[in-house]
Amino acid sequence: MQIKEILAVGMYKQAVTLYLQLLQSMVNHFVDDEHFCYFDDMYSPEYSMQWIYEDIMKYDIDQESRRLLEDGHKEILQSECYQEYGYPSYIER
């Protein structure tokens, strides 16, 4: 099941959890392998993650899901990937 489908049926916590798992994986991969420096800007996985985040924000998600999302983003903001490279750039402090 895709995140959009999960959102559509109101399973917000599951959608946020899947998004954060993907985001954490992307952040870890970026720092560990620097794999993404070999792709052009149009292929950047950051765009996909940003689109998923924007899809989540279209919904009036419950407080528990919102808190999970905020806590997940706080963790990403503390990562080497964000601190040293500003990646992902769509997350704001």
C-alpha atoms as a PDB file:
ATOM      1  CA  MET A   1       0.000   0.000   0.000  1.00  0.00           C
ATOM      2  CA  GLN A   2       1.338   3.440  -0.889  1.00  0.00           C
ATOM      3  CA  ILE A   3       1.474   6.376   1.504  1.00  0.00           C
ATOM      4  CA  LYS A   4      -1.151   8.291  -0.491  1.00  0.00           C
ATOM      5  CA  GLU A   5      -3.556   5.371  -0.141  1.00  0.00           C
ATOM      6  CA  ILE A   6      -2.852   5.104   3.578  1.00  0.00           C
ATOM      7  CA  LEU A   7      -3.553   8.819   3.995  1.00  0.00           C
ATOM      8  CA  ALA A   8      -6.774   8.558   2.009  1.00  0.00           C
ATOM      9  CA  VAL A   9      -8.192   6.004   4.467  1.00  0.00           C
ATOM     10  CA  GLY A  10      -7.196   8.101   7.489  1.00  0.00           C
ATOM     11  CA  MET A  11      -4.309   5.999   8.761  1.00  0.00           C
ATOM     12  CA  TYR A  12      -2.211   9.072   9.456  1.00  0.00           C
ATOM     13  CA  LYS A  13       0.145   7.630  12.069  1.00  0.00           C
ATOM     14  CA  GLN A  14       1.069   4.767   9.749  1.00  0.00           C
ATOM     15  CA  ALA A  15       1.635   7.192   6.851  1.00  0.00           C
ATOM     16  CA  VAL A  16       3.837   9.459   8.974  1.00  0.00           C
ATOM     17  CA  THR A  17       5.778   6.462  10.297  1.00  0.00           C
ATOM     18  CA  LEU A  18       6.454   5.173   6.773  1.00  0.00           C
ATOM     19  CA  TYR A  19       7.498   8.647   5.611  1.00  0.00           C
ATOM     20  CA  LEU A  20       9.892   9.047   8.556  1.00  0.00           C
ATOM     21  CA  GLN A  21      11.387   5.600   7.959  1.00  0.00           C
ATOM     22  CA  LEU A  22      12.035   6.485   4.327  1.00  0.00           C
ATOM     23  CA  LEU A  23      13.459   9.856   5.303  1.00  0.00           C
ATOM     24  CA  GLN A  24      15.792   8.342   7.909  1.00  0.00           C
ATOM     25  CA  SER A  25      16.976   5.787   5.389  1.00  0.00           C
ATOM     26  CA  MET A  26      17.664   8.512   2.834  1.00  0.00           C
ATOM     27  CA  VAL A  27      19.575  10.595   5.390  1.00  0.00           C
ATOM     28  CA  ASN A  28      21.675   7.620   6.516  1.00  0.00           C
ATOM     29  CA  HIS A  29      22.397   6.596   2.954  1.00  0.00           C
ATOM     30  CA  PHE A  30      23.402  10.121   1.990  1.00  0.00           C
ATOM     31  CA  VAL A  31      26.003  10.370   4.733  1.00  0.00           C
ATOM     32  CA  ASP A  32      27.248   6.785   4.627  1.00  0.00           C
ATOM     33  CA  ASP A  33      27.687   6.412   0.899  1.00  0.00           C
ATOM     34  CA  GLU A  34      27.351   9.904  -0.596  1.00  0.00           C
ATOM     35  CA  HIS A  35      25.521   8.032  -3.314  1.00  0.00           C
ATOM     36  CA  PHE A  36      23.303  10.959  -4.164  1.00  0.00           C
ATOM     37  CA  CYS A  37      26.169  13.225  -5.212  1.00  0.00           C
ATOM     38  CA  TYR A  38      26.320  11.204  -8.424  1.00  0.00           C
ATOM     39  CA  PHE A  39      22.780  12.032  -9.511  1.00  0.00           C
ATOM     40  CA  ASP A  40      21.568  15.192 -11.149  1.00  0.00           C
ATOM     41  CA  ASP A  41      19.118  17.521  -9.416  1.00  0.00           C
ATOM     42  CA  MET A  42      16.094  16.113 -11.189  1.00  0.00           C
ATOM     43  CA  TYR A  43      16.735  12.628  -9.792  1.00  0.00           C
ATOM     44  CA  SER A  44      17.286  13.689  -6.207  1.00  0.00           C
ATOM     45  CA  PRO A  45      15.281  11.526  -3.780  1.00  0.00           C
ATOM     46  CA  GLU A  46      14.747  14.682  -1.759  1.00  0.00           C
ATOM     47  CA  TYR A  47      12.066  15.716  -4.242  1.00  0.00           C
ATOM     48  CA  SER A  48      10.155  12.502  -3.630  1.00  0.00           C
ATOM     49  CA  MET A  49      10.390  12.942   0.129  1.00  0.00           C
ATOM     50  CA  GLN A  50       9.225  16.540  -0.139  1.00  0.00           C
ATOM     51  CA  TRP A  51       6.226  15.474  -2.235  1.00  0.00           C
ATOM     52  CA  ILE A  52       5.288  12.835   0.336  1.00  0.00           C
ATOM     53  CA  TYR A  53       5.582  15.438   3.101  1.00  0.00           C
ATOM     54  CA  GLU A  54       3.385  17.843   1.134  1.00  0.00           C
ATOM     55  CA  ASP A  55       0.803  15.086   0.634  1.00  0.00           C
ATOM     56  CA  ILE A  56       0.739  14.457   4.382  1.00  0.00           C
ATOM     57  CA  MET A  57       0.289  18.158   5.082  1.00  0.00           C
ATOM     58  CA  LYS A  58      -2.813  18.274   2.848  1.00  0.00           C
ATOM     59  CA  TYR A  59      -4.632  16.286   5.531  1.00  0.00           C
ATOM     60  CA  ASP A  60      -5.823  17.396   8.931  1.00  0.00           C
ATOM     61  CA  ILE A  61      -3.748  14.766  10.704  1.00  0.00           C
ATOM     62  CA  ASP A  62      -4.399  14.007  14.373  1.00  0.00           C
ATOM     63  CA  GLN A  63      -2.239  15.401  17.177  1.00  0.00           C
ATOM     64  CA  GLU A  64      -0.418  12.119  17.793  1.00  0.00           C
ATOM     65  CA  SER A  65       0.612  11.904  14.123  1.00  0.00           C
ATOM     66  CA  ARG A  66       1.579  15.573  14.041  1.00  0.00           C
ATOM     67  CA  ARG A  67       3.736  15.137  17.152  1.00  0.00           C
ATOM     68  CA  LEU A  68       5.363  12.049  15.628  1.00  0.00           C
ATOM     69  CA  LEU A  69       6.133  14.032  12.466  1.00  0.00           C
ATOM     70  CA  GLU A  70       7.586  16.957  14.417  1.00  0.00           C
ATOM     71  CA  ASP A  71       9.709  14.673  16.603  1.00  0.00           C
ATOM     72  CA  GLY A  72      10.947  12.809  13.539  1.00  0.00           C
ATOM     73  CA  HIS A  73      11.916  16.042  11.839  1.00  0.00           C
ATOM     74  CA  LYS A  74      13.706  17.227  15.003  1.00  0.00           C
ATOM     75  CA  GLU A  75      15.772  14.053  14.916  1.00  0.00           C
ATOM     76  CA  ILE A  76      16.630  14.614  11.245  1.00  0.00           C
ATOM     77  CA  LEU A  77      17.625  18.226  12.018  1.00  0.00           C
ATOM     78  CA  GLN A  78      20.220  16.881  14.466  1.00  0.00           C
ATOM     79  CA  SER A  79      21.693  14.499  11.905  1.00  0.00           C
ATOM     80  CA  GLU A  80      25.053  14.960  10.244  1.00  0.00           C
ATOM     81  CA  CYS A  81      23.270  14.964   6.913  1.00  0.00           C
ATOM     82  CA  TYR A  82      21.276  18.066   7.801  1.00  0.00           C
ATOM     83  CA  GLN A  83      23.921  19.779   9.937  1.00  0.00           C
ATOM     84  CA  GLU A  84      26.750  19.392   7.430  1.00  0.00           C
ATOM     85  CA  TYR A  85      24.950  19.278   4.084  1.00  0.00           C
ATOM     86  CA  GLY A  86      21.551  20.922   4.671  1.00  0.00           C
ATOM     87  CA  TYR A  87      19.852  17.818   3.370  1.00  0.00           C
ATOM     88  CA  PRO A  88      16.862  17.477   3.245  1.00  0.00           C
ATOM     89  CA  SER A  89      16.413  21.143   2.549  1.00  0.00           C
ATOM     90  CA  TYR A  90      12.610  21.304   2.793  1.00  0.00           C
ATOM     91  CA  ILE A  91      12.604  20.715   6.561  1.00  0.00           C
ATOM     92  CA  GLU A  92      12.719  23.985   8.447  1.00  0.00           C
ATOM     93  CA  ARG A  93      13.958  24.624  11.940  1.00  0.00           C
END
